Amino acid sequence: MPDSADLDPAADKLAAAGINHRRGSLPWFLAAVGRFTEAREIARIYRTHVTDAGLGPLALSNLGHMAFGLGITHASLGLPDDARKAFAAAHDTYVQIDHHAVIAFAHLSELMDVSIPYRTRNYLERRQLADAAQSSLAKARGAFASGMSERLAQLAVMYLDGRWSEARAIAAESSSHGTYILRSQLTHALAPIAWHQGHFLEAWQQVDSLLPDGPRSSPGSVVLLDALMLQRLAANLALGEGDKERARAWLEANDSWLSWSGSVLGRAENEITWSRFHRHRDESTSAWDRSERALAAAEAPHQPLALIDAHRLKGELARERGDADTAELHLAQSLNLADACHIPFQRALSLVALAELRATTDREGAVELAREARTFCEPLEAQPTLDRIDALTANLSSTHRSPEAPAGLTRREFDVLQLVAKGLTDVEIGDQLFISSRTVSQHLRSVYGKLDVRSRTEATRFSYEHGIL
């Protein structure tokens, strides 16, 4: 029986040129792990040899794979328009040979690599891509192991849309996850959901499943964009645990992978996470500088999803610096973008940040913002954010009942004095008031000067003598 390549004239032409017809699939797999220069060069050579040839099913399939790889490459290198054209070319090629599985994969890669990061405002587009992918997976069901649900195609959209319990249910009903592209849908949905719901062990398990060697994992060993997301998640998890050196290791690994690959996607989020790292270390200047770089990276090329987070972080840092006007500006931009992109949890996070900003100037407004954020977070079971809302609400209630501040103390200085008198440390006071411990120390020095006291003990005695507690 003849080899299947004998039935395809284009495959014969490639063989005569010393090129295996399957070489057209290499750009896809090279691009997936971040080897973009090689992917583009192989695609260039392959395309040269198949352009004028009669294309049979083998050459068509590999021509589609070549375009697929270029789609990933262009998206990763910050060229979303070129990426869309490449994914469209891959889709149209696969349609000619009724290759429904890879038609689905082309839709999903366009969704994850182009629509979500670059075209986030077009929420209908991302839903249409997920629906098209699900439909194609259903047609290709026989190509996959039993137990795989075509509804896996919906997971990334469900995460953004706030349908977290539904996403978890779909993942649970699927005993098989098929290829890496379907596995990516699980990773990009379940890992952040676990983090935002406070299921930190589960989130770490997601990290470990793809990066078992931790920060030492070598670039090119796994799918690049999945690894970049999980490295940042690991850094955030480590910061939440107070393990700053572990967080640094993950962020340095993220730096290394970005540098090695040349990827543009992930750079803004890398700067955001570095800014959070410096914020946790009370390194306010470095945190501010990184937030500036995050905004610049998220603007060029324009990435609305990253901008939502970058503006929110910038606003929170401005609040901690005492710059309420700048804070208001950036938090409003974050909130407006979250609304435009139809991402309810991102809206909730921006509402909480705005409530924290207005807590000292507009108590009733802050209460209302916190209440609205709670309505989003409770159905999502977003426990860490709910805890943050609870702390803010308790602080607002305490502040509302507080007597007038004596000795010319500002509202914030008075809040610090009250908590000092209750025996809290600077770090604990910072957690209560949503400011850094360094800022607490600055307020406390001002309190000492205005009250003419020299220690926490004397400040506490003043509080008792003047009925502040």
Foldseek 3Di string as FASTA:
>chain_A
DDDPLVVWFLQVQCVVVVHHLLLLLVLQLCLQLQNLVVLVVSLVVLCVSRVPGDGDPSNLLSPLNSLNSVLSSCLQLQNQVSNVVSLVSSLVSCVVVLPLQVNLLSLLCCLVRHCQFQVLLPLVSSVVSLVSSLVSCVVVVVVDDPQAHSNLSCQLSCQQLLVQVVSVVNVVSRPDQPDVSSVLSCLNRVLVLCVLLVVLVVNVVSLCVFCVVQLPDDRSPGRLVSNLVSLLSQLVSCVVVVNLVSSVSSLVSSVVNCVVSVTLPNPLSSLQSVLVSCVSVVVLVSSLVSLVVSCVSCVRVPTLVSLLSSLQSNLLSCVLVVNLVSNVVSLVVSLVSSVSSNRLLSNLSSLQSVLLSCLQPPLVSSLVSLVVSCVSCPVSSSPVVVVSSVLSVVLSVVLVPFDDDPLPQDSVLLLLLVVLLVVDQLCRSCSSSVYHSVSSVVSPVVVCVSVVHDDSVVSNVVCVVVVRD
